[in-house]
Amino acid sequence: MTYPSQPGYPTPHYGQPQPPRQNNLWLIGGAILVVLVVIMTVVLLVVQQTAGDDSAKGGDGSTTEGEPSGDASSDEETGGDGGDTEGGDVGPAEMTADACDAFDMSKFEEVFGEFREDDTYRSASNSNGLSSLSCSFYDDDFMYVNVYVSDYEDASDVQSWVESDADYYTAEEGYEFSEYTEIGDAGSYWTKDESGYKTLTLHIALGSLEVKLYTSLYDEENVDEAAAVETLADFAKQCETLFADYM
């Protein structure tokens, strides 16, 4: 007798069927979240501790620096007259380009016109420990005063140099020369008429400092020569105060 063949069974895939992974993913995600929370907490604690230390240190420093001395308090109560740029006294300054901003411009504005601070030319140099400075100041009409200051090793060299002006400018054609004795150890003043304007130059020896100041008066501008010379002299006096440490 012939038996019917048994029905075939499908061949199973390799390995067993995988269980659902949803529960494992939740567990992994939860673990990561816990780790992140712990890290964030530690970082927060460290930051707060550091900020607290810095605040404590900064508080001590600002208190010490912020306590004014008796002199500073006194200056503040007087209204700070020394800081007034109109008629206030100028103080000592280093011979750098910034020194051009230390000049009191009230006399300049009185004689020439409104001072154009943004147009100021500043230049300074130092060679072998000897400083020099050049400042050019302008008004609204671009009339100017130039201030040049140079430090020498020996005051006698400066005086001799200024005194030698007489030999040159009295002999040179077109110049009017005179000695200037109002300021310094030696002084010279000379003028020259040009086409449409007149140049004025004041040359002074202040100890070991050579101070040279000059301007040009244009025919169409209403600036008195004597007043212009007073302005040059005013700058010279300020140089005597500003750069006294160099003299």
Foldseek 3Di string as FASTA:
>chain_A
DDDDDDDDDDDDDPDDDDDDCPVVVVVVVVVVVVVVVVVVVVVVVVVVVVVVVVVVVVVVVCVVVVDDDPVVVVCVVVVVQCPDLAPHAFAADDQAQCVLVRHRCNLVCVFPNAKDVVPKDWDKDADPRKIKIWIWIQHPVRWIKIKIKTFDPFLVVLQVVQVCVCVVQVPDPQKDKDWDDPDADTKIWMKGDDVQKIKIWIWHRHGRMTIIMMTIGGPVDPGDPVSVVVVSVSVVVSCCRHHVVRD
